[in-house]
């Protein structure tokens, strides 16, 4: 179970647009798969469909728009990861399944990743 809020992604429907609220503002995210370069991209628009930023490459563990200071972009960080720690790649087989774009709104001091709680004690 995700500890952060996930944004639903369905690679089989791409390209497609989904509505999301970030930092109290409504946005449209349009997800695409680039079969030539073998990566996902996302475009962001305001609630009226007016483009804010196009073609952001989706990279595992890296916040979207992390190096961009552009008017209209959300202040919330969206980070695609697998919180279970099983996957570290984004591809059509993992994105939307185990790897999800998560709204990173948990204080790092409060976050406890899922771990294997098996008892390995031989005693």
PDB file of N, CA and C in Angstrom:
ATOM      1  N   UNK A   1       0.845  -1.183   0.000  1.00  0.00           N
ATOM      2  CA  UNK A   1       0.000   0.000   0.000  1.00  0.00           C
ATOM      3  C   UNK A   1       0.887   1.241   0.000  1.00  0.00           C
ATOM      4  N   UNK A   2       0.560   2.177  -0.867  1.00  0.00           N
ATOM      5  CA  UNK A   2       1.359   3.384  -1.006  1.00  0.00           C
ATOM      6  C   UNK A   2       1.210   4.289   0.210  1.00  0.00           C
ATOM      7  N   UNK A   3       2.329   4.831   0.657  1.00  0.00           N
ATOM      8  CA  UNK A   3       2.321   5.763   1.781  1.00  0.00           C
ATOM      9  C   UNK A   3       2.095   7.195   1.286  1.00  0.00           C
ATOM     10  N   UNK A   4       2.299   7.413   0.004  1.00  0.00           N
ATOM     11  CA  UNK A   4       2.071   8.704  -0.618  1.00  0.00           C
ATOM     12  C   UNK A   4       0.890   8.588  -1.572  1.00  0.00           C
ATOM     13  N   UNK A   5       0.340   9.714  -1.986  1.00  0.00           N
ATOM     14  CA  UNK A   5      -0.776   9.711  -2.926  1.00  0.00           C
ATOM     15  C   UNK A   5      -0.229   9.446  -4.328  1.00  0.00           C
ATOM     16  N   UNK A   6      -0.782   8.421  -4.977  1.00  0.00           N
ATOM     17  CA  UNK A   6      -0.341   8.055  -6.318  1.00  0.00           C
ATOM     18  C   UNK A   6      -1.240   8.702  -7.367  1.00  0.00           C
ATOM     19  N   UNK A   7      -0.634   9.057  -8.492  1.00  0.00           N
ATOM     20  CA  UNK A   7      -1.371   9.535  -9.652  1.00  0.00           C
ATOM     21  C   UNK A   7      -1.530   8.339 -10.578  1.00  0.00           C
ATOM     22  N   UNK A   8      -2.758   8.021 -10.909  1.00  0.00           N
ATOM     23  CA  UNK A   8      -3.033   6.847 -11.732  1.00  0.00           C
ATOM     24  C   UNK A   8      -2.452   6.999 -13.127  1.00  0.00           C
ATOM     25  N   UNK A   9      -1.787   5.942 -13.589  1.00  0.00           N
ATOM     26  CA  UNK A   9      -1.191   5.913 -14.921  1.00  0.00           C
ATOM     27  C   UNK A   9      -1.533   4.571 -15.559  1.00  0.00           C
ATOM     28  N   UNK A  10      -1.961   4.588 -16.814  1.00  0.00           N
ATOM     29  CA  UNK A  10      -2.263   3.358 -17.538  1.00  0.00           C
ATOM     30  C   UNK A  10      -1.523   3.373 -18.872  1.00  0.00           C
ATOM     31  N   UNK A  11      -0.342   2.729 -18.936  1.00  0.00           N
ATOM     32  CA  UNK A  11       0.452   2.749 -20.163  1.00  0.00           C
ATOM     33  C   UNK A  11      -0.282   2.217 -21.395  1.00  0.00           C
ATOM     34  N   UNK A  12      -1.249   1.337 -21.202  1.00  0.00           N
ATOM     35  CA  UNK A  12      -1.981   0.769 -22.338  1.00  0.00           C
ATOM     36  C   UNK A  12      -2.907   1.793 -22.989  1.00  0.00           C
ATOM     37  N   UNK A  13      -3.233   2.874 -22.297  1.00  0.00           N
ATOM     38  CA  UNK A  13      -4.126   3.902 -22.828  1.00  0.00           C
ATOM     39  C   UNK A  13      -3.381   5.095 -23.417  1.00  0.00           C
ATOM     40  N   UNK A  14      -2.057   5.104 -23.374  1.00  0.00           N
ATOM     41  CA  UNK A  14      -1.298   6.283 -23.774  1.00  0.00           C
ATOM     42  C   UNK A  14      -1.343   6.506 -25.271  1.00  0.00           C
ATOM     43  N   UNK A  15      -1.338   7.755 -25.695  1.00  0.00           N
ATOM     44  CA  UNK A  15      -1.333   8.943 -24.837  1.00  0.00           C
ATOM     45  C   UNK A  15      -2.726   9.210 -24.274  1.00  0.00           C
ATOM     46  N   UNK A  16      -2.750   9.664 -23.040  1.00  0.00           N
ATOM     47  CA  UNK A  16      -4.019  10.032 -22.437  1.00  0.00           C
ATOM     48  C   UNK A  16      -3.799  11.125 -21.401  1.00  0.00           C
ATOM     49  N   UNK A  17      -4.894  11.811 -21.079  1.00  0.00           N
ATOM     50  CA  UNK A  17      -4.847  12.941 -20.158  1.00  0.00           C
ATOM     51  C   UNK A  17      -5.660  12.618 -18.921  1.00  0.00           C
ATOM     52  N   UNK A  18      -5.133  13.005 -17.764  1.00  0.00           N
ATOM     53  CA  UNK A  18      -5.829  12.826 -16.495  1.00  0.00           C
ATOM     54  C   UNK A  18      -5.809  14.142 -15.732  1.00  0.00           C
ATOM     55  N   UNK A  19      -6.856  14.370 -14.966  1.00  0.00           N
ATOM     56  CA  UNK A  19      -6.942  15.572 -14.133  1.00  0.00           C
ATOM     57  C   UNK A  19      -6.382  15.271 -12.755  1.00  0.00           C
ATOM     58  N   UNK A  20      -5.669  16.233 -12.184  1.00  0.00           N
ATOM     59  CA  UNK A  20      -5.080  16.065 -10.859  1.00  0.00           C
ATOM     60  C   UNK A  20      -5.061  17.413 -10.152  1.00  0.00           C
ATOM     61  N   UNK A  21      -5.222  17.395  -8.837  1.00  0.00           N
ATOM     62  CA  UNK A  21      -5.125  18.606  -8.039  1.00  0.00           C
ATOM     63  C   UNK A  21      -3.811  18.570  -7.278  1.00  0.00           C
ATOM     64  N   UNK A  22      -3.010  19.606  -7.449  1.00  0.00           N
ATOM     65  CA  UNK A  22      -1.700  19.712  -6.803  1.00  0.00           C
ATOM     66  C   UNK A  22      -1.584  21.083  -6.162  1.00  0.00           C
ATOM     67  N   UNK A  23      -1.271  21.116  -4.883  1.00  0.00           N
ATOM     68  CA  UNK A  23      -1.119  22.385  -4.186  1.00  0.00           C
ATOM     69  C   UNK A  23      -2.354  23.255  -4.247  1.00  0.00           C
ATOM     70  N   UNK A  24      -3.524  22.626  -4.312  1.00  0.00           N
ATOM     71  CA  UNK A  24      -4.777  23.367  -4.353  1.00  0.00           C
ATOM     72  C   UNK A  24      -5.179  23.854  -5.728  1.00  0.00           C
ATOM     73  N   UNK A  25      -4.383  23.552  -6.758  1.00  0.00           N
ATOM     74  CA  UNK A  25      -4.702  23.959  -8.123  1.00  0.00           C
ATOM     75  C   UNK A  25      -4.972  22.726  -8.984  1.00  0.00           C
ATOM     76  N   UNK A  26      -5.874  22.878  -9.950  1.00  0.00           N
ATOM     77  CA  UNK A  26      -6.203  21.784 -10.860  1.00  0.00           C
ATOM     78  C   UNK A  26      -5.332  21.850 -12.105  1.00  0.00           C
ATOM     79  N   UNK A  27      -4.866  20.665 -12.520  1.00  0.00           N
ATOM     80  CA  UNK A  27      -4.004  20.534 -13.692  1.00  0.00           C
ATOM     81  C   UNK A  27      -4.479  19.363 -14.539  1.00  0.00           C
ATOM     82  N   UNK A  28      -4.010  19.351 -15.783  1.00  0.00           N
ATOM     83  CA  UNK A  28      -4.175  18.207 -16.666  1.00  0.00           C
ATOM     84  C   UNK A  28      -2.779  17.662 -16.970  1.00  0.00           C
ATOM     85  N   UNK A  29      -2.599  16.363 -16.753  1.00  0.00           N
ATOM     86  CA  UNK A  29      -1.346  15.700 -17.086  1.00  0.00           C
ATOM     87  C   UNK A  29      -1.597  14.787 -18.270  1.00  0.00           C
ATOM     88  N   UNK A  30      -0.814  14.958 -19.325  1.00  0.00           N
ATOM     89  CA  UNK A  30      -0.919  14.098 -20.498  1.00  0.00           C
ATOM     90  C   UNK A  30       0.333  13.238 -20.567  1.00  0.00           C
ATOM     91  N   UNK A  31       0.132  11.926 -20.458  1.00  0.00           N
ATOM     92  CA  UNK A  31       1.223  10.943 -20.422  1.00  0.00           C
ATOM     93  C   UNK A  31       1.397  10.341 -21.804  1.00  0.00           C
ATOM     94  N   UNK A  32       2.673  10.178 -22.231  1.00  0.00           N
ATOM     95  CA  UNK A  32       3.001   9.586 -23.525  1.00  0.00           C
ATOM     96  C   UNK A  32       4.132   8.587 -23.360  1.00  0.00           C
ATOM     97  N   UNK A  33       4.185   7.599 -24.268  1.00  0.00           N
ATOM     98  CA  UNK A  33       5.308   6.669 -24.364  1.00  0.00           C
ATOM     99  C   UNK A  33       6.012   6.949 -25.678  1.00  0.00           C
ATOM    100  N   UNK A  34       7.327   7.189 -25.625  1.00  0.00           N
ATOM    101  CA  UNK A  34       8.130   7.413 -26.818  1.00  0.00           C
ATOM    102  C   UNK A  34       8.810   6.088 -27.158  1.00  0.00           C
ATOM    103  N   UNK A  35       8.294   5.413 -28.173  1.00  0.00           N
ATOM    104  CA  UNK A  35       8.790   4.087 -28.518  1.00  0.00           C
ATOM    105  C   UNK A  35      10.194   4.127 -29.123  1.00  0.00           C
ATOM    106  N   UNK A  36      10.557   5.226 -29.746  1.00  0.00           N
ATOM    107  CA  UNK A  36      11.895   5.335 -30.341  1.00  0.00           C
ATOM    108  C   UNK A  36      12.949   5.507 -29.251  1.00  0.00           C
ATOM    109  N   UNK A  37      12.740   6.454 -28.346  1.00  0.00           N
ATOM    110  CA  UNK A  37      13.706   6.706 -27.271  1.00  0.00           C
ATOM    111  C   UNK A  37      13.476   5.824 -26.045  1.00  0.00           C
ATOM    112  N   UNK A  38      12.347   5.100 -26.023  1.00  0.00           N
ATOM    113  CA  UNK A  38      12.024   4.161 -24.946  1.00  0.00           C
ATOM    114  C   UNK A  38      11.923   4.840 -23.580  1.00  0.00           C
ATOM    115  N   UNK A  39      11.114   5.931 -23.537  1.00  0.00           N
ATOM    116  CA  UNK A  39      10.842   6.580 -22.261  1.00  0.00           C
ATOM    117  C   UNK A  39       9.449   7.209 -22.278  1.00  0.00           C
ATOM    118  N   UNK A  40       8.961   7.461 -21.066  1.00  0.00           N
ATOM    119  CA  UNK A  40       7.687   8.150 -20.904  1.00  0.00           C
ATOM    120  C   UNK A  40       7.948   9.640 -20.782  1.00  0.00           C
ATOM    121  N   UNK A  41       6.979  10.442 -21.256  1.00  0.00           N
ATOM    122  CA  UNK A  41       7.013  11.885 -21.047  1.00  0.00           C
ATOM    123  C   UNK A  41       5.653  12.318 -20.519  1.00  0.00           C
ATOM    124  N   UNK A  42       5.640  13.504 -19.932  1.00  0.00           N
ATOM    125  CA  UNK A  42       4.390  14.069 -19.434  1.00  0.00           C
ATOM    126  C   UNK A  42       4.345  15.547 -19.798  1.00  0.00           C
ATOM    127  N   UNK A  43       3.161  15.970 -20.238  1.00  0.00           N
ATOM    128  CA  UNK A  43       2.879  17.387 -20.473  1.00  0.00           C
ATOM    129  C   UNK A  43       1.968  17.841 -19.347  1.00  0.00           C
ATOM    130  N   UNK A  44       2.107  19.091 -18.934  1.00  0.00           N
ATOM    131  CA  UNK A  44       1.219  19.636 -17.906  1.00  0.00           C
ATOM    132  C   UNK A  44       0.533  20.877 -18.462  1.00  0.00           C
ATOM    133  N   UNK A  45      -0.764  20.947 -18.174  1.00  0.00           N
ATOM    134  CA  UNK A  45      -1.571  22.096 -18.601  1.00  0.00           C
ATOM    135  C   UNK A  45      -2.431  22.529 -17.418  1.00  0.00           C
ATOM    136  N   UNK A  46      -2.928  23.758 -17.488  1.00  0.00           N
ATOM    137  CA  UNK A  46      -3.845  24.198 -16.443  1.00  0.00           C
ATOM    138  C   UNK A  46      -5.193  23.504 -16.637  1.00  0.00           C
ATOM    139  N   UNK A  47      -6.142  23.768 -15.758  1.00  0.00           N
ATOM    140  CA  UNK A  47      -7.443  23.086 -15.796  1.00  0.00           C
ATOM    141  C   UNK A  47      -8.192  23.334 -17.099  1.00  0.00           C
ATOM    142  N   UNK A  48      -7.898  24.441 -17.785  1.00  0.00           N
ATOM    143  CA  UNK A  48      -8.540  24.762 -19.058  1.00  0.00           C
ATOM    144  C   UNK A  48      -7.854  24.147 -20.255  1.00  0.00           C
ATOM    145  N   UNK A  49      -6.779  23.394 -20.008  1.00  0.00           N
ATOM    146  CA  UNK A  49      -6.057  22.756 -21.107  1.00  0.00           C
ATOM    147  C   UNK A  49      -4.977  23.617 -21.726  1.00  0.00           C
ATOM    148  N   UNK A  50      -4.696  24.777 -21.131  1.00  0.00           N
ATOM    149  CA  UNK A  50      -3.644  25.651 -21.654  1.00  0.00           C
ATOM    150  C   UNK A  50      -2.284  25.105 -21.225  1.00  0.00           C
ATOM    151  N   UNK A  51      -1.392  24.801 -22.189  1.00  0.00           N
ATOM    152  CA  UNK A  51      -0.105  24.184 -21.856  1.00  0.00           C
ATOM    153  C   UNK A  51       0.734  25.056 -20.923  1.00  0.00           C
ATOM    154  N   UNK A  52       1.354  24.391 -19.954  1.00  0.00           N
ATOM    155  CA  UNK A  52       2.308  25.045 -19.062  1.00  0.00           C
ATOM    156  C   UNK A  52       3.717  24.590 -19.420  1.00  0.00           C
ATOM    157  N   UNK A  53       3.892  23.264 -19.569  1.00  0.00           N
ATOM    158  CA  UNK A  53       5.205  22.717 -19.920  1.00  0.00           C
ATOM    159  C   UNK A  53       4.998  21.377 -20.620  1.00  0.00           C
ATOM    160  N   UNK A  54       5.718  21.153 -21.714  1.00  0.00           N
ATOM    161  CA  UNK A  54       5.550  19.927 -22.500  1.00  0.00           C
ATOM    162  C   UNK A  54       6.844  19.123 -22.549  1.00  0.00           C
ATOM    163  N   UNK A  55       6.674  17.796 -22.592  1.00  0.00           N
ATOM    164  CA  UNK A  55       7.789  16.911 -22.897  1.00  0.00           C
ATOM    165  C   UNK A  55       8.720  16.570 -21.748  1.00  0.00           C
ATOM    166  N   UNK A  56       8.256  16.675 -20.499  1.00  0.00           N
ATOM    167  CA  UNK A  56       9.111  16.318 -19.366  1.00  0.00           C
ATOM    168  C   UNK A  56       9.341  14.808 -19.374  1.00  0.00           C
ATOM    169  N   UNK A  57      10.603  14.391 -19.416  1.00  0.00           N
ATOM    170  CA  UNK A  57      10.936  12.972 -19.390  1.00  0.00           C
ATOM    171  C   UNK A  57      10.746  12.445 -17.975  1.00  0.00           C
ATOM    172  N   UNK A  58      10.077  11.308 -17.861  1.00  0.00           N
ATOM    173  CA  UNK A  58       9.791  10.688 -16.567  1.00  0.00           C
ATOM    174  C   UNK A  58      10.967   9.772 -16.210  1.00  0.00           C
ATOM    175  N   UNK A  59      11.659  10.084 -15.108  1.00  0.00           N
ATOM    176  CA  UNK A  59      12.851   9.341 -14.678  1.00  0.00           C
ATOM    177  C   UNK A  59      12.609   8.792 -13.284  1.00  0.00           C
ATOM    178  N   UNK A  60      12.886   7.508 -13.088  1.00  0.00           N
ATOM    179  CA  UNK A  60      12.674   6.854 -11.800  1.00  0.00           C
ATOM    180  C   UNK A  60      13.422   7.610 -10.696  1.00  0.00           C
ATOM    181  N   UNK A  61      12.718   7.914  -9.607  1.00  0.00           N
ATOM    182  CA  UNK A  61      13.326   8.532  -8.432  1.00  0.00           C
ATOM    183  C   UNK A  61      13.637  10.011  -8.559  1.00  0.00           C
ATOM    184  N   UNK A  62      13.306  10.622  -9.688  1.00  0.00           N
ATOM    185  CA  UNK A  62      13.579  12.042  -9.903  1.00  0.00           C
ATOM    186  C   UNK A  62      12.263  12.814  -9.994  1.00  0.00           C
ATOM    187  N   UNK A  63      12.157  13.886  -9.232  1.00  0.00           N
ATOM    188  CA  UNK A  63      10.946  14.703  -9.270  1.00  0.00           C
ATOM    189  C   UNK A  63      10.746  15.288 -10.660  1.00  0.00           C
ATOM    190  N   UNK A  64       9.494  15.278 -11.112  1.00  0.00           N
ATOM    191  CA  UNK A  64       9.179  15.929 -12.388  1.00  0.00           C
ATOM    192  C   UNK A  64       9.453  17.421 -12.258  1.00  0.00           C
ATOM    193  N   UNK A  65       9.955  18.012 -13.320  1.00  0.00           N
ATOM    194  CA  UNK A  65      10.250  19.451 -13.389  1.00  0.00           C
ATOM    195  C   UNK A  65      11.224  19.893 -12.298  1.00  0.00           C
ATOM    196  N   UNK A  66      12.112  18.997 -11.886  1.00  0.00           N
ATOM    197  CA  UNK A  66      13.023  19.248 -10.757  1.00  0.00           C
ATOM    198  C   UNK A  66      14.041  20.341 -11.043  1.00  0.00           C
ATOM    199  N   UNK A  67      14.389  20.538 -12.280  1.00  0.00           N
ATOM    200  CA  UNK A  67      15.404  21.540 -12.616  1.00  0.00           C
ATOM    201  C   UNK A  67      14.811  22.739 -13.337  1.00  0.00           C
ATOM    202  N   UNK A  68      13.489  22.874 -13.274  1.00  0.00           N
ATOM    203  CA  UNK A  68      12.806  23.897 -14.050  1.00  0.00           C
ATOM    204  C   UNK A  68      12.094  24.869 -13.132  1.00  0.00           C
ATOM    205  N   UNK A  69      12.374  26.133 -13.314  1.00  0.00           N
ATOM    206  CA  UNK A  69      11.672  27.197 -12.607  1.00  0.00           C
ATOM    207  C   UNK A  69      10.825  27.905 -13.651  1.00  0.00           C
ATOM    208  N   UNK A  70       9.560  27.532 -13.708  1.00  0.00           N
ATOM    209  CA  UNK A  70       8.698  28.010 -14.774  1.00  0.00           C
ATOM    210  C   UNK A  70       7.348  28.404 -14.185  1.00  0.00           C
ATOM    211  N   UNK A  71       6.819  29.574 -14.531  1.00  0.00           N
ATOM    212  CA  UNK A  71       5.537  30.002 -13.973  1.00  0.00           C
ATOM    213  C   UNK A  71       4.420  28.995 -14.264  1.00  0.00           C
ATOM    214  N   UNK A  72       3.609  28.725 -13.248  1.00  0.00           N
ATOM    215  CA  UNK A  72       2.471  27.845 -13.422  1.00  0.00           C
ATOM    216  C   UNK A  72       2.694  26.405 -13.020  1.00  0.00           C
ATOM    217  N   UNK A  73       3.961  25.992 -12.877  1.00  0.00           N
ATOM    218  CA  UNK A  73       4.214  24.615 -12.465  1.00  0.00           C
ATOM    219  C   UNK A  73       3.807  24.419 -11.011  1.00  0.00           C
ATOM    220  N   UNK A  74       3.348  23.215 -10.666  1.00  0.00           N
ATOM    221  CA  UNK A  74       2.939  22.969  -9.276  1.00  0.00           C
ATOM    222  C   UNK A  74       4.132  22.993  -8.333  1.00  0.00           C
ATOM    223  N   UNK A  75       3.863  23.345  -7.086  1.00  0.00           N
ATOM    224  CA  UNK A  75       4.923  23.345  -6.083  1.00  0.00           C
ATOM    225  C   UNK A  75       5.111  21.956  -5.480  1.00  0.00           C
ATOM    226  N   UNK A  76       4.086  21.106  -5.564  1.00  0.00           N
ATOM    227  CA  UNK A  76       4.221  19.737  -5.068  1.00  0.00           C
ATOM    228  C   UNK A  76       5.191  18.962  -5.956  1.00  0.00           C
ATOM    229  N   UNK A  77       6.007  18.125  -5.338  1.00  0.00           N
ATOM    230  CA  UNK A  77       6.897  17.251  -6.092  1.00  0.00           C
ATOM    231  C   UNK A  77       6.163  15.971  -6.458  1.00  0.00           C
ATOM    232  N   UNK A  78       6.343  15.546  -7.710  1.00  0.00           N
ATOM    233  CA  UNK A  78       5.820  14.270  -8.174  1.00  0.00           C
ATOM    234  C   UNK A  78       7.026  13.413  -8.517  1.00  0.00           C
ATOM    235  N   UNK A  79       7.171  12.285  -7.820  1.00  0.00           N
ATOM    236  CA  UNK A  79       8.346  11.434  -7.983  1.00  0.00           C
ATOM    237  C   UNK A  79       7.892  10.024  -8.357  1.00  0.00           C
ATOM    238  N   UNK A  80       8.295   9.524  -9.546  1.00  0.00           N
ATOM    239  CA  UNK A  80       7.931   8.156  -9.912  1.00  0.00           C
ATOM    240  C   UNK A  80       8.872   7.148  -9.251  1.00  0.00           C
ATOM    241  N   UNK A  81       8.309   6.304  -8.384  1.00  0.00           N
ATOM    242  CA  UNK A  81       9.090   5.278  -7.689  1.00  0.00           C
ATOM    243  C   UNK A  81       8.213   4.058  -7.419  1.00  0.00           C
ATOM    244  N   UNK A  82       8.848   2.996  -7.003  1.00  0.00           N
ATOM    245  CA  UNK A  82       8.179   1.809  -6.490  1.00  0.00           C
ATOM    246  C   UNK A  82       8.439   1.795  -4.999  1.00  0.00           C
ATOM    247  N   UNK A  83       7.433   2.141  -4.200  1.00  0.00           N
ATOM    248  CA  UNK A  83       7.640   2.236  -2.758  1.00  0.00           C
ATOM    249  C   UNK A  83       7.985   0.900  -2.118  1.00  0.00           C
ATOM    250  N   UNK A  84       7.705  -0.209  -2.790  1.00  0.00           N
ATOM    251  CA  UNK A  84       8.064  -1.509  -2.222  1.00  0.00           C
ATOM    252  C   UNK A  84       9.556  -1.787  -2.387  1.00  0.00           C
ATOM    253  N   UNK A  85      10.227  -1.002  -3.253  1.00  0.00           N
ATOM    254  CA  UNK A  85      11.660  -1.189  -3.463  1.00  0.00           C
ATOM    255  C   UNK A  85      12.011  -2.295  -4.442  1.00  0.00           C
ATOM    256  N   UNK A  86      11.027  -2.868  -5.124  1.00  0.00           N
ATOM    257  CA  UNK A  86      11.276  -3.982  -6.036  1.00  0.00           C
ATOM    258  C   UNK A  86      11.796  -3.530  -7.403  1.00  0.00           C
ATOM    259  N   UNK A  87      11.265  -2.438  -7.925  1.00  0.00           N
ATOM    260  CA  UNK A  87      11.618  -1.968  -9.273  1.00  0.00           C
ATOM    261  C   UNK A  87      12.380  -0.657  -9.208  1.00  0.00           C
ATOM    262  N   UNK A  88      13.356  -0.525 -10.101  1.00  0.00           N
ATOM    263  CA  UNK A  88      14.128   0.712 -10.196  1.00  0.00           C
ATOM    264  C   UNK A  88      14.202   1.218 -11.634  1.00  0.00           C
ATOM    265  N   UNK A  89      13.339   0.692 -12.479  1.00  0.00           N
ATOM    266  CA  UNK A  89      13.274   1.097 -13.876  1.00  0.00           C
ATOM    267  C   UNK A  89      11.844   1.459 -14.222  1.00  0.00           C
ATOM    268  N   UNK A  90      11.705   2.348 -15.192  1.00  0.00           N
ATOM    269  CA  UNK A  90      10.382   2.702 -15.702  1.00  0.00           C
ATOM    270  C   UNK A  90      10.296   2.198 -17.131  1.00  0.00           C
ATOM    271  N   UNK A  91       9.335   1.332 -17.370  1.00  0.00           N
ATOM    272  CA  UNK A  91       9.071   0.827 -18.712  1.00  0.00           C
ATOM    273  C   UNK A  91       7.595   0.467 -18.781  1.00  0.00           C
ATOM    274  N   UNK A  92       7.082   0.094 -19.952  1.00  0.00           N
ATOM    275  CA  UNK A  92       5.650  -0.210 -20.043  1.00  0.00           C
ATOM    276  C   UNK A  92       5.197  -1.356 -19.127  1.00  0.00           C
ATOM    277  N   UNK A  93       6.097  -2.182 -18.680  1.00  0.00           N
ATOM    278  CA  UNK A  93       5.730  -3.275 -17.789  1.00  0.00           C
ATOM    279  C   UNK A  93       5.676  -2.890 -16.322  1.00  0.00           C
ATOM    280  N   UNK A  94       6.342  -1.790 -15.937  1.00  0.00           N
ATOM    281  CA  UNK A  94       6.372  -1.395 -14.529  1.00  0.00           C
ATOM    282  C   UNK A  94       5.592  -0.119 -14.247  1.00  0.00           C
ATOM    283  N   UNK A  95       5.600   0.826 -15.203  1.00  0.00           N
ATOM    284  CA  UNK A  95       4.966   2.117 -14.963  1.00  0.00           C
ATOM    285  C   UNK A  95       3.455   1.947 -14.915  1.00  0.00           C
ATOM    286  N   UNK A  96       2.856   2.408 -13.827  1.00  0.00           N
ATOM    287  CA  UNK A  96       1.427   2.258 -13.624  1.00  0.00           C
ATOM    288  C   UNK A  96       1.075   0.988 -12.876  1.00  0.00           C
ATOM    289  N   UNK A  97       2.049   0.086 -12.724  1.00  0.00           N
ATOM    290  CA  UNK A  97       1.840  -1.154 -11.991  1.00  0.00           C
ATOM    291  C   UNK A  97       2.544  -1.061 -10.643  1.00  0.00           C
ATOM    292  N   UNK A  98       3.847  -1.250 -10.630  1.00  0.00           N
ATOM    293  CA  UNK A  98       4.608  -1.126  -9.385  1.00  0.00           C
ATOM    294  C   UNK A  98       5.254   0.242  -9.254  1.00  0.00           C
ATOM    295  N   UNK A  99       5.638   0.836 -10.378  1.00  0.00           N
ATOM    296  CA  UNK A  99       6.226   2.180 -10.368  1.00  0.00           C
ATOM    297  C   UNK A  99       5.113   3.181 -10.639  1.00  0.00           C
ATOM    298  N   UNK A 100       4.908   4.081  -9.677  1.00  0.00           N
ATOM    299  CA  UNK A 100       3.836   5.065  -9.784  1.00  0.00           C
ATOM    300  C   UNK A 100       4.368   6.473  -9.563  1.00  0.00           C
ATOM    301  N   UNK A 101       3.790   7.471 -10.249  1.00  0.00           N
ATOM    302  CA  UNK A 101       4.127   8.852  -9.921  1.00  0.00           C
ATOM    303  C   UNK A 101       3.435   9.215  -8.609  1.00  0.00           C
ATOM    304  N   UNK A 102       4.225   9.482  -7.590  1.00  0.00           N
ATOM    305  CA  UNK A 102       3.705   9.756  -6.255  1.00  0.00           C
ATOM    306  C   UNK A 102       3.870  11.217  -5.896  1.00  0.00           C
ATOM    307  N   UNK A 103       2.846  11.784  -5.276  1.00  0.00           N
ATOM    308  CA  UNK A 103       2.942  13.154  -4.783  1.00  0.00           C
ATOM    309  C   UNK A 103       3.752  13.085  -3.498  1.00  0.00           C
ATOM    310  N   UNK A 104       4.923  13.677  -3.532  1.00  0.00           N
ATOM    311  CA  UNK A 104       5.885  13.567  -2.430  1.00  0.00           C
ATOM    312  C   UNK A 104       5.559  14.610  -1.370  1.00  0.00           C
ATOM    313  N   UNK A 105       4.594  14.263  -0.513  1.00  0.00           N
ATOM    314  CA  UNK A 105       4.143  15.218   0.498  1.00  0.00           C
ATOM    315  C   UNK A 105       4.358  14.715   1.917  1.00  0.00           C
ATOM    316  N   UNK A 106       5.224  13.697   2.077  1.00  0.00           N
ATOM    317  CA  UNK A 106       5.534  13.170   3.399  1.00  0.00           C
ATOM    318  C   UNK A 106       6.883  13.711   3.834  1.00  0.00           C
ATOM    319  N   UNK A 107       6.951  14.244   5.044  1.00  0.00           N
ATOM    320  CA  UNK A 107       8.207  14.712   5.603  1.00  0.00           C
ATOM    321  C   UNK A 107       9.162  13.530   5.699  1.00  0.00           C
ATOM    322  N   UNK A 108      10.382  13.674   5.196  1.00  0.00           N
ATOM    323  CA  UNK A 108      11.360  12.583   5.207  1.00  0.00           C
ATOM    324  C   UNK A 108      11.577  12.023   6.611  1.00  0.00           C
ATOM    325  N   UNK A 109      11.416  12.841   7.657  1.00  0.00           N
ATOM    326  CA  UNK A 109      11.587  12.358   9.022  1.00  0.00           C
ATOM    327  C   UNK A 109      10.464  11.406   9.433  1.00  0.00           C
ATOM    328  N   UNK A 110       9.301  11.510   8.764  1.00  0.00           N
ATOM    329  CA  UNK A 110       8.146  10.682   9.107  1.00  0.00           C
ATOM    330  C   UNK A 110       8.012   9.457   8.212  1.00  0.00           C
ATOM    331  N   UNK A 111       8.761   9.405   7.103  1.00  0.00           N
ATOM    332  CA  UNK A 111       8.593   8.335   6.124  1.00  0.00           C
ATOM    333  C   UNK A 111       9.364   7.089   6.518  1.00  0.00           C
ATOM    334  N   UNK A 112       8.664   5.967   6.520  1.00  0.00           N
ATOM    335  CA  UNK A 112       9.267   4.668   6.783  1.00  0.00           C
ATOM    336  C   UNK A 112       8.973   3.772   5.584  1.00  0.00           C
ATOM    337  N   UNK A 113       9.965   3.467   4.733  1.00  0.00           N
ATOM    338  CA  UNK A 113       9.704   2.617   3.570  1.00  0.00           C
ATOM    339  C   UNK A 113       9.341   1.210   4.014  1.00  0.00           C
ATOM    340  N   UNK A 114       8.612   0.512   3.131  1.00  0.00           N
ATOM    341  CA  UNK A 114       8.258  -0.872   3.434  1.00  0.00           C
ATOM    342  C   UNK A 114       9.528  -1.709   3.464  1.00  0.00           C
ATOM    343  N   UNK A 115       9.602  -2.617   4.424  1.00  0.00           N
ATOM    344  CA  UNK A 115      10.749  -3.517   4.525  1.00  0.00           C
ATOM    345  C   UNK A 115      10.246  -4.931   4.710  1.00  0.00           C
ATOM    346  N   UNK A 116      11.129  -5.880   4.466  1.00  0.00           N
ATOM    347  CA  UNK A 116      10.811  -7.274   4.696  1.00  0.00           C
ATOM    348  C   UNK A 116      10.828  -7.512   6.195  1.00  0.00           C
ATOM    349  N   UNK A 117       9.695  -7.926   6.759  1.00  0.00           N
ATOM    350  CA  UNK A 117       9.608  -8.107   8.197  1.00  0.00           C
ATOM    351  C   UNK A 117       9.753  -9.569   8.591  1.00  0.00           C
ATOM    352  N   UNK A 118      10.305 -10.381   7.681  1.00  0.00           N
ATOM    353  CA  UNK A 118      10.498 -11.796   7.982  1.00  0.00           C
ATOM    354  C   UNK A 118      11.459 -11.993   9.132  1.00  0.00           C
ATOM    355  N   UNK A 119      11.277 -13.060   9.897  1.00  0.00           N
ATOM    356  CA  UNK A 119      12.121 -13.362  11.054  1.00  0.00           C
ATOM    357  C   UNK A 119      13.272 -14.244  10.600  1.00  0.00           C
ATOM    358  N   UNK A 120      14.485 -13.670  10.551  1.00  0.00           N
ATOM    359  CA  UNK A 120      15.651 -14.419  10.115  1.00  0.00           C
ATOM    360  C   UNK A 120      16.468 -14.925  11.287  1.00  0.00           C
ATOM    361  N   UNK A 121      15.943 -14.819  12.502  1.00  0.00           N
ATOM    362  CA  UNK A 121      16.670 -15.225  13.704  1.00  0.00           C
ATOM    363  C   UNK A 121      16.708 -16.750  13.782  1.00  0.00           C
ATOM    364  N   UNK A 122      17.915 -17.302  13.893  1.00  0.00           N
ATOM    365  CA  UNK A 122      18.079 -18.756  13.989  1.00  0.00           C
ATOM    366  C   UNK A 122      17.953 -19.253  15.408  1.00  0.00           C
ATOM    367  N   UNK A 123      17.780 -18.373  16.389  1.00  0.00           N
ATOM    368  CA  UNK A 123      17.775 -18.746  17.799  1.00  0.00           C
ATOM    369  C   UNK A 123      16.463 -19.080  18.252  1.00  0.00           C
TER     370      UNK A 123
END
